[in-house]
């Protein structure tokens, strides 16, 4: 990012606090441009594929609970509820982490020597 940003904007090389502020602004613009580009280019395919994998694993786990632990209607309902809840919670945790990486809130801050 840095060499490319230096070529794009001559203010990037200015010394002092203003130079660092310009650097941070340029990095934020570059990150937002890259995230917009990745959204437009269809990079959410990984999200959809992994979501489908979670759905398939949830269905297989529900069938295994139904077949292996068939002890009555209320017990089957409890097992099915636990499997669905566990699958949805695991998917939500993964989805939150995945989405949080798409547009990070923290950008690199350069030290005074850089």
N, C-alpha and C. Protein backbone atom coordinates (compact mmCIF):
# COMPACT_ATOMS: atom_id res chain seq x y z
N UNK A 1 0.80 -1.19 0.00
CA UNK A 1 0.00 0.00 0.00
C UNK A 1 0.85 1.27 0.00
N UNK A 2 1.90 1.27 0.79
CA UNK A 2 2.64 2.52 0.97
C UNK A 2 3.31 3.02 -0.31
N UNK A 3 4.05 2.20 -1.08
CA UNK A 3 4.65 2.74 -2.30
C UNK A 3 3.59 3.23 -3.29
N UNK A 4 2.49 2.51 -3.37
CA UNK A 4 1.43 2.89 -4.29
C UNK A 4 0.82 4.23 -3.86
N UNK A 5 0.64 4.41 -2.54
CA UNK A 5 0.08 5.66 -2.03
C UNK A 5 1.04 6.82 -2.27
N UNK A 6 2.34 6.58 -2.19
CA UNK A 6 3.31 7.63 -2.43
C UNK A 6 3.25 8.10 -3.87
N UNK A 7 3.04 7.18 -4.78
CA UNK A 7 2.95 7.56 -6.19
C UNK A 7 1.68 8.35 -6.46
N UNK A 8 0.60 8.04 -5.76
CA UNK A 8 -0.69 8.67 -6.02
C UNK A 8 -0.79 10.08 -5.48
N UNK A 9 -0.20 10.35 -4.31
CA UNK A 9 -0.43 11.63 -3.66
C UNK A 9 0.90 12.21 -3.16
N UNK A 10 1.32 13.36 -3.67
CA UNK A 10 2.57 13.95 -3.22
C UNK A 10 2.51 14.43 -1.77
N UNK A 11 1.32 14.70 -1.22
CA UNK A 11 1.20 15.12 0.16
C UNK A 11 1.60 14.00 1.12
N UNK A 12 1.64 12.79 0.60
CA UNK A 12 1.97 11.63 1.43
C UNK A 12 3.34 11.79 2.08
N UNK A 13 4.26 12.45 1.40
CA UNK A 13 5.63 12.56 1.89
C UNK A 13 5.84 13.75 2.83
N UNK A 14 4.82 14.54 3.09
CA UNK A 14 5.02 15.73 3.92
C UNK A 14 5.36 15.33 5.36
N UNK A 15 6.32 16.03 5.99
CA UNK A 15 6.77 15.65 7.33
C UNK A 15 5.81 16.13 8.41
N UNK A 16 6.01 15.63 9.62
CA UNK A 16 5.26 16.09 10.77
C UNK A 16 3.90 15.44 10.91
N UNK A 17 3.09 16.01 11.80
CA UNK A 17 1.78 15.45 12.10
C UNK A 17 0.86 15.44 10.89
N UNK A 18 0.91 16.49 10.09
CA UNK A 18 0.05 16.57 8.91
C UNK A 18 0.37 15.44 7.95
N UNK A 19 1.65 15.10 7.84
CA UNK A 19 2.05 14.00 6.96
C UNK A 19 1.50 12.68 7.44
N UNK A 20 1.54 12.48 8.75
CA UNK A 20 0.99 11.24 9.30
C UNK A 20 -0.52 11.21 9.13
N UNK A 21 -1.17 12.35 9.32
CA UNK A 21 -2.62 12.40 9.14
C UNK A 21 -2.97 12.06 7.69
N UNK A 22 -2.21 12.63 6.74
CA UNK A 22 -2.45 12.31 5.33
C UNK A 22 -2.24 10.83 5.07
N UNK A 23 -1.21 10.28 5.71
CA UNK A 23 -0.94 8.85 5.54
C UNK A 23 -2.10 8.02 6.02
N UNK A 24 -2.61 8.35 7.19
CA UNK A 24 -3.73 7.59 7.75
C UNK A 24 -4.97 7.74 6.88
N UNK A 25 -5.24 8.95 6.41
CA UNK A 25 -6.40 9.17 5.53
C UNK A 25 -6.25 8.38 4.25
N UNK A 26 -5.04 8.38 3.68
CA UNK A 26 -4.82 7.63 2.44
C UNK A 26 -4.99 6.14 2.67
N UNK A 27 -4.49 5.64 3.81
CA UNK A 27 -4.64 4.22 4.10
C UNK A 27 -6.12 3.87 4.28
N UNK A 28 -6.87 4.74 4.95
CA UNK A 28 -8.30 4.48 5.11
C UNK A 28 -9.02 4.49 3.77
N UNK A 29 -8.66 5.43 2.90
CA UNK A 29 -9.28 5.47 1.57
C UNK A 29 -8.93 4.22 0.78
N UNK A 30 -7.67 3.79 0.88
CA UNK A 30 -7.24 2.60 0.15
C UNK A 30 -7.96 1.36 0.66
N UNK A 31 -8.10 1.25 1.98
CA UNK A 31 -8.81 0.11 2.55
C UNK A 31 -10.28 0.12 2.14
N UNK A 32 -10.92 1.29 2.17
CA UNK A 32 -12.33 1.33 1.78
C UNK A 32 -12.50 1.03 0.29
N UNK A 33 -11.54 1.50 -0.54
CA UNK A 33 -11.60 1.19 -1.96
C UNK A 33 -11.44 -0.31 -2.19
N UNK A 34 -10.50 -0.94 -1.47
CA UNK A 34 -10.30 -2.38 -1.63
C UNK A 34 -11.51 -3.16 -1.16
N UNK A 35 -12.15 -2.72 -0.06
CA UNK A 35 -13.33 -3.44 0.41
C UNK A 35 -14.49 -3.28 -0.57
N UNK A 36 -14.65 -2.08 -1.13
CA UNK A 36 -15.70 -1.88 -2.14
C UNK A 36 -15.42 -2.73 -3.37
N UNK A 37 -14.16 -2.80 -3.76
CA UNK A 37 -13.79 -3.60 -4.91
C UNK A 37 -14.04 -5.07 -4.67
N UNK A 38 -13.72 -5.54 -3.46
CA UNK A 38 -13.94 -6.96 -3.18
C UNK A 38 -15.42 -7.29 -3.11
N UNK A 39 -16.24 -6.36 -2.61
CA UNK A 39 -17.68 -6.61 -2.56
C UNK A 39 -18.25 -6.64 -3.97
N UNK A 40 -17.80 -5.71 -4.81
CA UNK A 40 -18.30 -5.66 -6.19
C UNK A 40 -17.82 -6.85 -7.01
N UNK A 41 -16.64 -7.38 -6.69
CA UNK A 41 -16.10 -8.46 -7.50
C UNK A 41 -16.65 -9.83 -7.11
N UNK A 42 -17.53 -9.89 -6.11
CA UNK A 42 -18.15 -11.15 -5.76
C UNK A 42 -17.33 -11.98 -4.80
N UNK A 43 -16.61 -11.35 -3.91
CA UNK A 43 -15.80 -12.12 -2.96
C UNK A 43 -16.65 -12.70 -1.84
N UNK A 44 -17.94 -12.44 -1.83
CA UNK A 44 -18.79 -13.03 -0.82
C UNK A 44 -19.13 -14.48 -1.13
N UNK A 45 -18.52 -15.02 -2.18
CA UNK A 45 -18.72 -16.43 -2.52
C UNK A 45 -18.25 -17.33 -1.39
N UNK A 46 -17.15 -16.95 -0.73
CA UNK A 46 -16.66 -17.73 0.40
C UNK A 46 -17.66 -17.76 1.54
N UNK A 47 -18.33 -16.63 1.75
CA UNK A 47 -19.36 -16.57 2.80
C UNK A 47 -20.51 -17.51 2.47
N UNK A 48 -20.96 -17.50 1.24
CA UNK A 48 -22.08 -18.37 0.85
C UNK A 48 -21.71 -19.84 0.90
N UNK A 49 -20.52 -20.17 0.42
CA UNK A 49 -20.09 -21.58 0.41
C UNK A 49 -19.96 -22.10 1.84
N UNK A 50 -19.35 -21.31 2.72
CA UNK A 50 -19.19 -21.76 4.10
C UNK A 50 -20.53 -21.82 4.82
N UNK A 51 -21.44 -20.93 4.50
CA UNK A 51 -22.78 -21.00 5.08
C UNK A 51 -23.47 -22.29 4.65
N UNK A 52 -23.33 -22.65 3.38
CA UNK A 52 -23.91 -23.92 2.91
C UNK A 52 -23.26 -25.12 3.60
N UNK A 53 -21.96 -25.03 3.86
CA UNK A 53 -21.28 -26.12 4.59
C UNK A 53 -21.87 -26.24 6.00
N UNK A 54 -22.10 -25.11 6.67
CA UNK A 54 -22.72 -25.16 8.00
C UNK A 54 -24.12 -25.76 7.93
N UNK A 55 -24.89 -25.43 6.91
CA UNK A 55 -26.23 -26.00 6.76
C UNK A 55 -26.16 -27.51 6.59
N UNK A 56 -25.25 -27.96 5.74
CA UNK A 56 -25.11 -29.41 5.49
C UNK A 56 -24.66 -30.13 6.76
N UNK A 57 -23.68 -29.56 7.46
CA UNK A 57 -23.22 -30.18 8.71
C UNK A 57 -24.35 -30.21 9.74
N UNK A 58 -25.15 -29.15 9.82
CA UNK A 58 -26.29 -29.13 10.74
C UNK A 58 -27.32 -30.19 10.42
N UNK A 59 -27.60 -30.37 9.13
CA UNK A 59 -28.56 -31.41 8.73
C UNK A 59 -28.03 -32.80 9.05
N UNK A 60 -26.75 -33.03 8.75
CA UNK A 60 -26.15 -34.34 9.05
C UNK A 60 -26.15 -34.59 10.56
N UNK A 61 -25.81 -33.58 11.35
CA UNK A 61 -25.81 -33.74 12.81
C UNK A 61 -27.21 -34.00 13.34
N UNK A 62 -28.21 -33.33 12.77
CA UNK A 62 -29.60 -33.56 13.20
C UNK A 62 -30.05 -34.98 12.86
N UNK A 63 -29.68 -35.46 11.67
CA UNK A 63 -30.02 -36.84 11.30
C UNK A 63 -29.31 -37.85 12.19
N UNK A 64 -28.04 -37.60 12.49
CA UNK A 64 -27.30 -38.51 13.37
C UNK A 64 -27.91 -38.53 14.77
N UNK A 65 -28.32 -37.38 15.27
CA UNK A 65 -28.97 -37.34 16.59
C UNK A 65 -30.30 -38.09 16.55
N UNK A 66 -31.01 -37.96 15.45
CA UNK A 66 -32.30 -38.64 15.32
C UNK A 66 -32.13 -40.16 15.24
N UNK A 67 -31.11 -40.61 14.50
CA UNK A 67 -30.90 -42.04 14.30
C UNK A 67 -30.24 -42.68 15.52
N UNK A 68 -29.21 -42.07 16.04
CA UNK A 68 -28.41 -42.68 17.12
C UNK A 68 -29.07 -42.56 18.49
N UNK A 69 -29.82 -41.52 18.73
CA UNK A 69 -30.40 -41.26 20.06
C UNK A 69 -31.91 -41.25 20.01
N UNK A 70 -32.51 -42.25 19.42
CA UNK A 70 -33.96 -42.33 19.27
C UNK A 70 -34.56 -42.94 20.54
N UNK A 71 -34.92 -42.09 21.50
CA UNK A 71 -35.42 -42.58 22.79
C UNK A 71 -36.82 -42.08 23.13
N UNK A 72 -37.48 -41.45 22.22
CA UNK A 72 -38.82 -40.95 22.50
C UNK A 72 -39.01 -39.58 21.91
N UNK A 73 -40.26 -39.15 21.78
CA UNK A 73 -40.53 -37.89 21.09
C UNK A 73 -39.96 -36.66 21.82
N UNK A 74 -40.07 -36.59 23.15
CA UNK A 74 -39.57 -35.40 23.83
C UNK A 74 -38.04 -35.37 23.85
N UNK A 75 -37.40 -36.52 23.96
CA UNK A 75 -35.94 -36.58 23.93
C UNK A 75 -35.42 -36.25 22.54
N UNK A 76 -36.12 -36.73 21.51
CA UNK A 76 -35.71 -36.40 20.14
C UNK A 76 -35.83 -34.91 19.89
N UNK A 77 -36.88 -34.29 20.40
CA UNK A 77 -37.06 -32.85 20.24
C UNK A 77 -35.94 -32.08 20.95
N UNK A 78 -35.58 -32.55 22.15
CA UNK A 78 -34.49 -31.91 22.89
C UNK A 78 -33.17 -32.02 22.12
N UNK A 79 -32.87 -33.21 21.61
CA UNK A 79 -31.63 -33.40 20.85
C UNK A 79 -31.61 -32.55 19.59
N UNK A 80 -32.74 -32.51 18.89
CA UNK A 80 -32.82 -31.70 17.68
C UNK A 80 -32.64 -30.21 18.00
N UNK A 81 -33.24 -29.76 19.10
CA UNK A 81 -33.10 -28.36 19.51
C UNK A 81 -31.65 -28.04 19.85
N UNK A 82 -31.00 -28.93 20.56
CA UNK A 82 -29.59 -28.71 20.92
C UNK A 82 -28.68 -28.67 19.70
N UNK A 83 -28.92 -29.58 18.75
CA UNK A 83 -28.09 -29.62 17.54
C UNK A 83 -28.29 -28.36 16.71
N UNK A 84 -29.54 -27.94 16.52
CA UNK A 84 -29.80 -26.74 15.72
C UNK A 84 -29.22 -25.51 16.41
N UNK A 85 -29.39 -25.41 17.73
CA UNK A 85 -28.85 -24.26 18.47
C UNK A 85 -27.32 -24.22 18.36
N UNK A 86 -26.67 -25.36 18.52
CA UNK A 86 -25.21 -25.41 18.42
C UNK A 86 -24.74 -25.03 17.02
N UNK A 87 -25.43 -25.51 16.00
CA UNK A 87 -25.04 -25.20 14.63
C UNK A 87 -25.22 -23.71 14.34
N UNK A 88 -26.33 -23.14 14.74
CA UNK A 88 -26.59 -21.72 14.49
C UNK A 88 -25.59 -20.86 15.27
N UNK A 89 -25.29 -21.23 16.51
CA UNK A 89 -24.32 -20.44 17.30
C UNK A 89 -22.92 -20.50 16.68
N UNK A 90 -22.50 -21.67 16.25
CA UNK A 90 -21.18 -21.79 15.60
C UNK A 90 -21.15 -20.97 14.31
N UNK A 91 -22.23 -21.04 13.51
CA UNK A 91 -22.27 -20.27 12.28
C UNK A 91 -22.24 -18.77 12.56
N UNK A 92 -23.00 -18.32 13.57
CA UNK A 92 -23.02 -16.89 13.89
C UNK A 92 -21.65 -16.41 14.34
N UNK A 93 -20.95 -17.21 15.14
CA UNK A 93 -19.61 -16.82 15.57
C UNK A 93 -18.68 -16.69 14.37
N UNK A 94 -18.73 -17.68 13.48
CA UNK A 94 -17.89 -17.62 12.29
C UNK A 94 -18.27 -16.42 11.41
N UNK A 95 -19.57 -16.18 11.23
CA UNK A 95 -20.02 -15.09 10.36
C UNK A 95 -19.61 -13.73 10.91
N UNK A 96 -19.70 -13.55 12.22
CA UNK A 96 -19.30 -12.28 12.82
C UNK A 96 -17.83 -12.02 12.62
N UNK A 97 -17.01 -13.05 12.82
CA UNK A 97 -15.56 -12.89 12.61
C UNK A 97 -15.26 -12.62 11.14
N UNK A 98 -15.93 -13.33 10.24
CA UNK A 98 -15.69 -13.15 8.81
C UNK A 98 -16.08 -11.74 8.36
N UNK A 99 -17.25 -11.28 8.78
CA UNK A 99 -17.72 -9.96 8.37
C UNK A 99 -16.86 -8.85 9.00
N UNK A 100 -16.39 -9.07 10.22
CA UNK A 100 -15.55 -8.06 10.87
C UNK A 100 -14.24 -7.87 10.12
N UNK A 101 -13.77 -8.88 9.41
CA UNK A 101 -12.52 -8.76 8.66
C UNK A 101 -12.72 -8.10 7.31
N UNK A 102 -13.95 -7.95 6.86
CA UNK A 102 -14.20 -7.33 5.56
C UNK A 102 -13.91 -5.83 5.58
N UNK A 103 -14.25 -5.15 6.66
CA UNK A 103 -14.03 -3.72 6.77
C UNK A 103 -13.49 -3.42 8.17
N UNK A 104 -12.18 -3.56 8.38
CA UNK A 104 -11.64 -3.40 9.73
C UNK A 104 -11.78 -1.97 10.24
N UNK A 105 -12.02 -1.84 11.54
CA UNK A 105 -12.19 -0.52 12.15
C UNK A 105 -10.84 0.10 12.50
N UNK A 106 -9.84 -0.73 12.74
CA UNK A 106 -8.53 -0.24 13.15
C UNK A 106 -7.62 -0.22 11.93
N UNK A 107 -7.03 0.93 11.64
CA UNK A 107 -6.09 1.05 10.53
C UNK A 107 -4.69 1.20 11.10
N UNK A 108 -3.67 0.87 10.34
CA UNK A 108 -2.31 1.00 10.84
C UNK A 108 -1.97 2.46 11.15
N UNK A 109 -1.34 2.69 12.28
CA UNK A 109 -0.90 4.02 12.67
C UNK A 109 0.62 4.02 12.64
N UNK A 110 1.18 4.92 11.86
CA UNK A 110 2.62 4.97 11.71
C UNK A 110 3.26 5.67 12.92
N UNK A 111 4.44 5.18 13.31
CA UNK A 111 5.16 5.85 14.39
C UNK A 111 5.87 7.07 13.83
N UNK A 112 6.49 7.86 14.73
CA UNK A 112 7.12 9.10 14.31
C UNK A 112 8.35 8.86 13.44
N UNK A 113 9.00 7.70 13.55
CA UNK A 113 10.19 7.43 12.75
C UNK A 113 9.87 7.05 11.34
N UNK A 114 8.65 6.69 11.05
CA UNK A 114 8.30 6.27 9.69
C UNK A 114 7.78 7.41 8.87
